[in-house]
Amino acid sequence: GRVFVSIIFPPSAIHRFISVETRSRAHLALKVVKMASRLLLRACRITVMARNPVLARTARRAMASGGGIPTDEEQAAGLERRVLQAMKKGKDPYSIFKPKEYAGTKEDPHIVPGISDKRLVGCLCEEDNTAIVWFWLHEGNPQRCPSCGSYYKLIHHELPH
């Protein structure tokens, strides 16, 4: 069960609080209201714990094992947890990291991962070039870009799921 609490002040009491001219009386009235609200909250907490002690303990268990705020690893679930575990092992299952730089020569070609035996590749031959040169890259030996001569090699890449 849920406990709903509402406090209704009669208009005369509110009028008395507003019309009080001295600060000491207003301050005293505010202290009384704060104390009453604390007592009411404490009574509600005791009632909830008496009815269902599991509800009162869940907030503490949801925290991290050592107390405090849980880390990313402690609160990750599902796909995010698998990615974090793979990254701890040094793997990059979803190509999250920046790709390694390659020279683009026949001995050190640009590596292109693919899930089939061929893939369409676009080459920006020069840094400030606006035109992309597209060509099919087949698995096996490194292949050259028809425009600039950079070498690319297709390697088979297994999907992690």
N, C-alpha and C. Protein backbone atom coordinates (compact mmCIF):
# COMPACT_ATOMS: atom_id res chain seq x y z
N GLY A 1 0.79 -1.17 0.00
CA GLY A 1 0.00 0.00 0.00
C GLY A 1 0.84 1.26 0.00
N ARG A 2 0.27 2.25 -0.57
CA ARG A 2 0.92 3.56 -0.60
C ARG A 2 0.32 4.45 0.47
N VAL A 3 1.09 5.32 1.01
CA VAL A 3 0.65 6.25 2.03
C VAL A 3 0.62 7.64 1.42
N PHE A 4 -0.55 8.25 1.40
CA PHE A 4 -0.68 9.60 0.89
C PHE A 4 -0.92 10.53 2.08
N VAL A 5 -0.19 11.62 2.13
CA VAL A 5 -0.30 12.55 3.24
C VAL A 5 -0.58 13.93 2.67
N SER A 6 -1.59 14.59 3.23
CA SER A 6 -1.83 15.98 2.82
C SER A 6 -2.10 16.79 4.08
N ILE A 7 -1.55 17.98 4.10
CA ILE A 7 -1.76 18.88 5.23
C ILE A 7 -2.57 20.06 4.73
N ILE A 8 -3.69 20.32 5.40
CA ILE A 8 -4.55 21.43 5.00
C ILE A 8 -4.58 22.42 6.15
N PHE A 9 -4.12 23.63 5.89
CA PHE A 9 -4.17 24.70 6.87
C PHE A 9 -5.47 25.47 6.65
N PRO A 10 -6.21 25.75 7.72
CA PRO A 10 -7.41 26.59 7.56
C PRO A 10 -7.01 28.01 7.19
N PRO A 11 -7.85 28.71 6.44
CA PRO A 11 -7.51 30.07 6.00
C PRO A 11 -7.19 31.01 7.16
N SER A 12 -7.83 30.81 8.31
CA SER A 12 -7.55 31.70 9.44
C SER A 12 -6.11 31.54 9.93
N ALA A 13 -5.59 30.28 9.91
CA ALA A 13 -4.21 30.06 10.34
C ALA A 13 -3.23 30.70 9.37
N ILE A 14 -3.49 30.58 8.09
CA ILE A 14 -2.62 31.20 7.09
C ILE A 14 -2.67 32.72 7.25
N HIS A 15 -3.87 33.24 7.48
CA HIS A 15 -4.01 34.69 7.66
C HIS A 15 -3.22 35.16 8.89
N ARG A 16 -3.24 34.34 9.96
CA ARG A 16 -2.49 34.71 11.16
C ARG A 16 -0.99 34.73 10.88
N PHE A 17 -0.49 33.74 10.08
CA PHE A 17 0.94 33.70 9.78
C PHE A 17 1.34 34.90 8.93
N ILE A 18 0.51 35.26 8.00
CA ILE A 18 0.85 36.37 7.10
C ILE A 18 0.76 37.70 7.84
N SER A 19 -0.24 37.83 8.71
CA SER A 19 -0.44 39.13 9.35
C SER A 19 0.49 39.38 10.53
N VAL A 20 1.30 38.42 10.95
CA VAL A 20 2.22 38.63 12.07
C VAL A 20 3.28 39.63 11.65
N GLU A 21 3.45 40.67 12.46
CA GLU A 21 4.37 41.74 12.08
C GLU A 21 5.77 41.51 12.59
N THR A 22 5.94 40.87 13.69
CA THR A 22 7.28 40.70 14.22
C THR A 22 7.94 39.48 13.61
N ARG A 23 9.23 39.59 13.40
CA ARG A 23 9.98 38.49 12.80
C ARG A 23 10.10 37.30 13.73
N SER A 24 10.19 37.54 15.01
CA SER A 24 10.36 36.44 15.95
C SER A 24 9.16 35.51 15.94
N ARG A 25 7.94 36.05 15.84
CA ARG A 25 6.75 35.20 15.79
C ARG A 25 6.70 34.42 14.48
N ALA A 26 7.03 35.07 13.37
CA ALA A 26 7.04 34.38 12.08
C ALA A 26 8.10 33.29 12.07
N HIS A 27 9.27 33.57 12.65
CA HIS A 27 10.34 32.59 12.71
C HIS A 27 9.93 31.40 13.57
N LEU A 28 9.28 31.68 14.69
CA LEU A 28 8.81 30.61 15.58
C LEU A 28 7.75 29.76 14.87
N ALA A 29 6.85 30.40 14.13
CA ALA A 29 5.82 29.66 13.41
C ALA A 29 6.44 28.77 12.34
N LEU A 30 7.47 29.27 11.65
CA LEU A 30 8.16 28.47 10.64
C LEU A 30 8.85 27.27 11.26
N LYS A 31 9.47 27.45 12.43
CA LYS A 31 10.10 26.34 13.13
C LYS A 31 9.09 25.28 13.51
N VAL A 32 7.91 25.71 13.96
CA VAL A 32 6.86 24.75 14.34
C VAL A 32 6.41 23.95 13.13
N VAL A 33 6.23 24.61 12.00
CA VAL A 33 5.82 23.91 10.78
C VAL A 33 6.88 22.92 10.34
N LYS A 34 8.16 23.32 10.38
CA LYS A 34 9.24 22.41 9.99
C LYS A 34 9.29 21.20 10.91
N MET A 35 9.15 21.42 12.22
CA MET A 35 9.20 20.34 13.17
C MET A 35 8.02 19.38 12.96
N ALA A 36 6.85 19.94 12.69
CA ALA A 36 5.67 19.11 12.45
C ALA A 36 5.84 18.27 11.19
N SER A 37 6.43 18.86 10.14
CA SER A 37 6.63 18.10 8.90
C SER A 37 7.66 17.00 9.10
N ARG A 38 8.73 17.26 9.88
CA ARG A 38 9.71 16.21 10.17
C ARG A 38 9.08 15.06 10.93
N LEU A 39 8.26 15.40 11.94
CA LEU A 39 7.59 14.35 12.70
C LEU A 39 6.63 13.53 11.84
N LEU A 40 5.93 14.21 10.93
CA LEU A 40 5.00 13.52 10.04
C LEU A 40 5.75 12.58 9.09
N LEU A 41 6.87 13.05 8.53
CA LEU A 41 7.66 12.20 7.64
C LEU A 41 8.23 11.00 8.38
N ARG A 42 8.70 11.21 9.60
CA ARG A 42 9.23 10.11 10.39
C ARG A 42 8.14 9.08 10.68
N ALA A 43 6.94 9.55 11.00
CA ALA A 43 5.82 8.65 11.27
C ALA A 43 5.45 7.85 10.02
N CYS A 44 5.48 8.50 8.86
CA CYS A 44 5.19 7.79 7.60
C CYS A 44 6.24 6.74 7.32
N ARG A 45 7.52 7.07 7.54
CA ARG A 45 8.60 6.11 7.32
C ARG A 45 8.44 4.89 8.22
N ILE A 46 8.10 5.12 9.48
CA ILE A 46 7.92 4.02 10.42
C ILE A 46 6.74 3.15 10.00
N THR A 47 5.67 3.79 9.53
CA THR A 47 4.50 3.04 9.07
C THR A 47 4.83 2.18 7.86
N VAL A 48 5.55 2.72 6.90
CA VAL A 48 5.93 1.97 5.70
C VAL A 48 6.84 0.80 6.08
N MET A 49 7.80 1.04 6.96
CA MET A 49 8.71 -0.04 7.36
C MET A 49 7.96 -1.14 8.10
N ALA A 50 6.94 -0.77 8.89
CA ALA A 50 6.18 -1.78 9.62
C ALA A 50 5.34 -2.61 8.67
N ARG A 51 4.80 -1.99 7.63
CA ARG A 51 3.95 -2.71 6.68
C ARG A 51 4.77 -3.59 5.75
N ASN A 52 5.86 -3.05 5.20
CA ASN A 52 6.66 -3.81 4.24
C ASN A 52 8.13 -3.43 4.41
N PRO A 53 8.90 -4.20 5.17
CA PRO A 53 10.30 -3.83 5.41
C PRO A 53 11.17 -3.89 4.16
N VAL A 54 10.74 -4.62 3.12
CA VAL A 54 11.54 -4.73 1.89
C VAL A 54 11.59 -3.39 1.18
N LEU A 55 10.49 -2.63 1.19
CA LEU A 55 10.47 -1.32 0.53
C LEU A 55 11.47 -0.36 1.14
N ALA A 56 11.64 -0.44 2.43
CA ALA A 56 12.56 0.48 3.10
C ALA A 56 14.01 0.15 2.80
N ARG A 57 14.32 -1.12 2.50
CA ARG A 57 15.71 -1.53 2.28
C ARG A 57 16.15 -1.41 0.83
N THR A 58 15.23 -1.32 -0.11
CA THR A 58 15.62 -1.29 -1.52
C THR A 58 16.48 -0.09 -1.87
N ALA A 59 16.25 1.05 -1.26
CA ALA A 59 17.03 2.24 -1.60
C ALA A 59 18.49 2.05 -1.25
N ARG A 60 18.79 1.37 -0.17
CA ARG A 60 20.18 1.14 0.20
C ARG A 60 20.83 0.12 -0.72
N ARG A 61 20.10 -0.90 -1.13
CA ARG A 61 20.68 -1.94 -1.99
C ARG A 61 20.94 -1.43 -3.40
N ALA A 62 20.20 -0.43 -3.84
CA ALA A 62 20.37 0.09 -5.19
C ALA A 62 21.68 0.85 -5.34
N MET A 63 22.28 1.23 -4.23
CA MET A 63 23.53 1.97 -4.29
C MET A 63 24.68 1.01 -4.63
N ALA A 64 25.84 1.54 -4.87
CA ALA A 64 27.01 0.75 -5.23
C ALA A 64 27.40 -0.18 -4.08
N SER A 65 28.19 -1.19 -4.41
CA SER A 65 28.56 -2.20 -3.42
C SER A 65 29.29 -1.58 -2.23
N GLY A 66 30.10 -0.59 -2.43
CA GLY A 66 30.82 0.06 -1.34
C GLY A 66 30.10 1.28 -0.81
N GLY A 67 28.90 1.52 -1.27
CA GLY A 67 28.18 2.72 -0.89
C GLY A 67 28.52 3.85 -1.84
N GLY A 68 27.68 4.82 -1.93
CA GLY A 68 27.93 5.96 -2.82
C GLY A 68 27.31 5.75 -4.20
N ILE A 69 27.82 6.46 -5.16
CA ILE A 69 27.27 6.43 -6.51
C ILE A 69 27.86 5.25 -7.28
N PRO A 70 27.01 4.43 -7.96
CA PRO A 70 27.53 3.29 -8.71
C PRO A 70 28.35 3.74 -9.93
N THR A 71 29.34 2.93 -10.28
CA THR A 71 30.17 3.23 -11.45
C THR A 71 29.44 2.78 -12.72
N ASP A 72 30.01 3.11 -13.88
CA ASP A 72 29.41 2.70 -15.15
C ASP A 72 29.32 1.18 -15.26
N GLU A 73 30.37 0.49 -14.81
CA GLU A 73 30.39 -0.98 -14.89
C GLU A 73 29.33 -1.59 -13.99
N GLU A 74 29.08 -0.98 -12.84
CA GLU A 74 28.10 -1.52 -11.90
C GLU A 74 26.67 -1.34 -12.36
N GLN A 75 26.38 -0.29 -13.10
CA GLN A 75 25.00 -0.06 -13.48
C GLN A 75 24.73 -0.38 -14.95
N ALA A 76 25.73 -0.77 -15.72
CA ALA A 76 25.52 -1.11 -17.13
C ALA A 76 24.77 -2.43 -17.23
N ALA A 77 23.92 -2.53 -18.26
CA ALA A 77 23.15 -3.75 -18.48
C ALA A 77 23.04 -4.01 -19.98
N GLY A 78 22.82 -5.26 -20.34
CA GLY A 78 22.56 -5.62 -21.73
C GLY A 78 23.75 -5.38 -22.64
N LEU A 79 23.47 -4.74 -23.78
CA LEU A 79 24.48 -4.50 -24.80
C LEU A 79 25.59 -3.59 -24.28
N GLU A 80 25.23 -2.59 -23.48
CA GLU A 80 26.25 -1.69 -22.93
C GLU A 80 27.24 -2.46 -22.05
N ARG A 81 26.73 -3.41 -21.26
CA ARG A 81 27.62 -4.20 -20.40
C ARG A 81 28.58 -5.05 -21.24
N ARG A 82 28.05 -5.65 -22.34
CA ARG A 82 28.93 -6.46 -23.20
C ARG A 82 30.02 -5.62 -23.86
N VAL A 83 29.66 -4.42 -24.28
CA VAL A 83 30.64 -3.52 -24.90
C VAL A 83 31.71 -3.13 -23.89
N LEU A 84 31.30 -2.77 -22.65
CA LEU A 84 32.28 -2.39 -21.63
C LEU A 84 33.20 -3.56 -21.27
N GLN A 85 32.67 -4.78 -21.20
CA GLN A 85 33.50 -5.94 -20.90
C GLN A 85 34.49 -6.21 -22.02
N ALA A 86 34.05 -6.07 -23.28
CA ALA A 86 34.95 -6.27 -24.42
C ALA A 86 36.03 -5.19 -24.46
N MET A 87 35.68 -3.96 -24.11
CA MET A 87 36.66 -2.88 -24.12
C MET A 87 37.70 -3.08 -23.02
N LYS A 88 37.30 -3.69 -21.89
CA LYS A 88 38.27 -3.99 -20.83
C LYS A 88 39.29 -5.01 -21.32
N LYS A 89 38.86 -5.93 -22.18
CA LYS A 89 39.76 -6.95 -22.72
C LYS A 89 40.60 -6.42 -23.89
N GLY A 90 40.36 -5.18 -24.28
CA GLY A 90 41.14 -4.58 -25.37
C GLY A 90 40.53 -4.77 -26.74
N LYS A 91 39.31 -5.29 -26.81
CA LYS A 91 38.64 -5.50 -28.10
C LYS A 91 37.77 -4.30 -28.42
N ASP A 92 37.43 -4.16 -29.68
CA ASP A 92 36.57 -3.08 -30.16
C ASP A 92 35.45 -3.69 -30.99
N PRO A 93 34.44 -4.30 -30.36
CA PRO A 93 33.45 -5.08 -31.11
C PRO A 93 32.58 -4.26 -32.05
N TYR A 94 32.30 -3.02 -31.76
CA TYR A 94 31.41 -2.22 -32.60
C TYR A 94 32.15 -1.06 -33.27
N SER A 95 33.45 -1.16 -33.40
CA SER A 95 34.28 -0.14 -34.06
C SER A 95 34.04 1.24 -33.46
N ILE A 96 34.13 1.31 -32.14
CA ILE A 96 33.92 2.57 -31.43
C ILE A 96 35.18 3.42 -31.46
N PHE A 97 36.34 2.77 -31.36
CA PHE A 97 37.59 3.50 -31.32
C PHE A 97 37.95 4.06 -32.69
N LYS A 98 38.81 5.08 -32.71
CA LYS A 98 39.30 5.65 -33.96
C LYS A 98 40.14 4.59 -34.66
N PRO A 99 39.95 4.41 -35.96
CA PRO A 99 40.74 3.40 -36.67
C PRO A 99 42.23 3.73 -36.68
N LYS A 100 43.03 2.69 -36.73
CA LYS A 100 44.48 2.85 -36.77
C LYS A 100 44.88 3.50 -38.10
N GLU A 101 45.91 4.33 -38.06
CA GLU A 101 46.40 4.98 -39.28
C GLU A 101 47.30 4.00 -40.05
N TYR A 102 47.08 3.92 -41.34
CA TYR A 102 47.90 3.08 -42.21
C TYR A 102 48.53 3.95 -43.29
N ALA A 103 49.66 3.48 -43.84
CA ALA A 103 50.38 4.25 -44.85
C ALA A 103 49.67 4.23 -46.20
N GLY A 104 48.93 3.17 -46.49
CA GLY A 104 48.25 3.06 -47.77
C GLY A 104 49.13 2.49 -48.87
N THR A 105 50.27 1.90 -48.48
CA THR A 105 51.15 1.26 -49.47
C THR A 105 50.76 -0.20 -49.63
N LYS A 106 51.41 -0.88 -50.59
CA LYS A 106 51.09 -2.29 -50.82
C LYS A 106 51.49 -3.13 -49.60
N GLU A 107 52.57 -2.74 -48.90
CA GLU A 107 53.02 -3.47 -47.71
C GLU A 107 52.16 -3.14 -46.48
N ASP A 108 51.62 -1.91 -46.40
CA ASP A 108 50.81 -1.47 -45.26
C ASP A 108 49.52 -0.83 -45.78
N PRO A 109 48.57 -1.64 -46.30
CA PRO A 109 47.35 -1.07 -46.88
C PRO A 109 46.36 -0.62 -45.81
N HIS A 110 45.45 0.24 -46.22
CA HIS A 110 44.35 0.64 -45.34
C HIS A 110 43.46 -0.59 -45.13
N ILE A 111 43.16 -0.94 -43.87
CA ILE A 111 42.34 -2.11 -43.57
C ILE A 111 40.87 -1.70 -43.56
N VAL A 112 40.04 -2.43 -44.31
CA VAL A 112 38.60 -2.18 -44.38
C VAL A 112 37.88 -3.43 -43.90
N PRO A 113 37.18 -3.36 -42.75
CA PRO A 113 36.44 -4.54 -42.29
C PRO A 113 35.15 -4.72 -43.09
N GLY A 114 34.78 -5.97 -43.31
CA GLY A 114 33.56 -6.26 -44.05
C GLY A 114 32.96 -7.59 -43.61
N ILE A 115 31.64 -7.73 -43.76
CA ILE A 115 31.00 -8.98 -43.36
C ILE A 115 30.73 -9.89 -44.56
N SER A 116 31.08 -9.43 -45.75
CA SER A 116 30.95 -10.28 -46.95
C SER A 116 32.28 -10.29 -47.68
N ASP A 117 32.30 -10.89 -48.87
CA ASP A 117 33.57 -11.00 -49.60
C ASP A 117 33.88 -9.78 -50.46
N LYS A 118 32.99 -8.78 -50.50
CA LYS A 118 33.27 -7.53 -51.22
C LYS A 118 32.56 -6.38 -50.52
N ARG A 119 33.10 -5.17 -50.74
CA ARG A 119 32.54 -3.98 -50.11
C ARG A 119 32.83 -2.76 -50.96
N LEU A 120 31.87 -1.85 -51.00
CA LEU A 120 32.03 -0.60 -51.73
C LEU A 120 32.82 0.37 -50.86
N VAL A 121 33.91 0.92 -51.43
CA VAL A 121 34.80 1.81 -50.68
C VAL A 121 34.85 3.16 -51.38
N GLY A 122 34.84 4.21 -50.57
CA GLY A 122 34.99 5.56 -51.11
C GLY A 122 36.32 6.14 -50.68
N CYS A 123 37.08 6.67 -51.60
CA CYS A 123 38.40 7.23 -51.31
C CYS A 123 38.39 8.73 -51.58
N LEU A 124 38.80 9.51 -50.56
CA LEU A 124 39.05 10.93 -50.75
C LEU A 124 40.54 11.04 -51.07
N CYS A 125 40.85 11.16 -52.30
CA CYS A 125 42.24 11.08 -52.73
C CYS A 125 43.11 12.20 -52.16
N GLU A 126 42.58 13.39 -52.02
CA GLU A 126 43.31 14.50 -51.43
C GLU A 126 42.46 15.05 -50.29
N GLU A 127 43.11 15.66 -49.31
CA GLU A 127 42.40 16.15 -48.13
C GLU A 127 41.31 17.17 -48.45
N ASP A 128 41.59 18.08 -49.36
CA ASP A 128 40.63 19.13 -49.69
C ASP A 128 39.75 18.79 -50.88
N ASN A 129 39.76 17.55 -51.32
CA ASN A 129 38.97 17.11 -52.46
C ASN A 129 37.50 16.98 -52.06
N THR A 130 36.60 17.40 -52.94
CA THR A 130 35.16 17.27 -52.67
C THR A 130 34.55 16.08 -53.38
N ALA A 131 35.26 15.50 -54.32
CA ALA A 131 34.74 14.34 -55.06
C ALA A 131 35.27 13.05 -54.43
N ILE A 132 34.38 12.07 -54.28
CA ILE A 132 34.75 10.78 -53.71
C ILE A 132 34.86 9.78 -54.85
N VAL A 133 35.95 9.02 -54.85
CA VAL A 133 36.15 7.98 -55.86
C VAL A 133 35.66 6.67 -55.25
N TRP A 134 34.61 6.08 -55.86
CA TRP A 134 34.02 4.84 -55.36
C TRP A 134 34.52 3.67 -56.18
N PHE A 135 34.84 2.57 -55.49
CA PHE A 135 35.22 1.34 -56.19
C PHE A 135 34.92 0.13 -55.29
N TRP A 136 34.78 -1.04 -55.94
CA TRP A 136 34.51 -2.28 -55.20
C TRP A 136 35.82 -2.88 -54.72
N LEU A 137 35.85 -3.25 -53.44
CA LEU A 137 37.02 -3.88 -52.84
C LEU A 137 36.66 -5.34 -52.56
N HIS A 138 37.47 -6.25 -53.09
CA HIS A 138 37.21 -7.68 -52.92
C HIS A 138 38.20 -8.27 -51.91
N GLU A 139 37.75 -9.30 -51.20
CA GLU A 139 38.59 -9.95 -50.20
C GLU A 139 39.79 -10.63 -50.88
N GLY A 140 40.92 -10.60 -50.22
CA GLY A 140 42.13 -11.22 -50.77
C GLY A 140 43.28 -10.24 -50.77
N ASN A 141 43.92 -10.08 -51.92
CA ASN A 141 45.08 -9.19 -52.05
C ASN A 141 44.67 -7.72 -51.95
N PRO A 142 45.60 -6.84 -51.51
CA PRO A 142 45.31 -5.40 -51.47
C PRO A 142 45.03 -4.87 -52.88
N GLN A 143 44.12 -3.90 -52.96
CA GLN A 143 43.76 -3.31 -54.25
C GLN A 143 44.01 -1.81 -54.20
N ARG A 144 44.31 -1.23 -55.38
CA ARG A 144 44.63 0.19 -55.48
C ARG A 144 43.39 1.02 -55.78
N CYS A 145 43.41 2.25 -55.29
CA CYS A 145 42.39 3.23 -55.68
C CYS A 145 42.70 3.61 -57.12
N PRO A 146 41.70 3.61 -58.02
CA PRO A 146 41.98 3.92 -59.42
C PRO A 146 42.46 5.36 -59.66
N SER A 147 42.22 6.27 -58.71
CA SER A 147 42.60 7.66 -58.92
C SER A 147 43.96 8.02 -58.30
N CYS A 148 44.14 7.72 -56.99
CA CYS A 148 45.36 8.18 -56.32
C CYS A 148 46.39 7.07 -56.10
N GLY A 149 46.00 5.82 -56.16
CA GLY A 149 46.96 4.73 -56.03
C GLY A 149 47.13 4.21 -54.60
N SER A 150 46.33 4.69 -53.62
CA SER A 150 46.41 4.15 -52.26
C SER A 150 45.89 2.71 -52.25
N TYR A 151 46.50 1.88 -51.41
CA TYR A 151 46.10 0.48 -51.33
C TYR A 151 45.13 0.25 -50.18
N TYR A 152 44.15 -0.60 -50.44
CA TYR A 152 43.13 -1.00 -49.46
C TYR A 152 43.05 -2.52 -49.43
N LYS A 153 42.77 -3.06 -48.24
CA LYS A 153 42.63 -4.51 -48.12
C LYS A 153 41.38 -4.81 -47.29
N LEU A 154 40.53 -5.70 -47.80
CA LEU A 154 39.31 -6.10 -47.12
C LEU A 154 39.60 -7.30 -46.22
N ILE A 155 39.25 -7.18 -44.96
CA ILE A 155 39.39 -8.31 -44.04
C ILE A 155 38.01 -8.66 -43.51
N HIS A 156 37.79 -9.95 -43.28
CA HIS A 156 36.48 -10.40 -42.79
C HIS A 156 36.33 -10.01 -41.33
N HIS A 157 35.18 -9.46 -40.99
CA HIS A 157 34.90 -8.98 -39.63
C HIS A 157 33.62 -9.64 -39.14
N GLU A 158 33.70 -10.39 -38.04
CA GLU A 158 32.53 -11.03 -37.46
C GLU A 158 31.75 -10.01 -36.63
N LEU A 159 30.44 -10.04 -36.76
CA LEU A 159 29.61 -9.20 -35.92
C LEU A 159 29.58 -9.78 -34.53
N PRO A 160 29.57 -8.96 -33.48
CA PRO A 160 29.66 -9.45 -32.12
C PRO A 160 28.40 -10.14 -31.61
N HIS A 161 27.26 -9.96 -32.24
CA HIS A 161 26.04 -10.57 -31.71
C HIS A 161 25.63 -11.77 -32.48
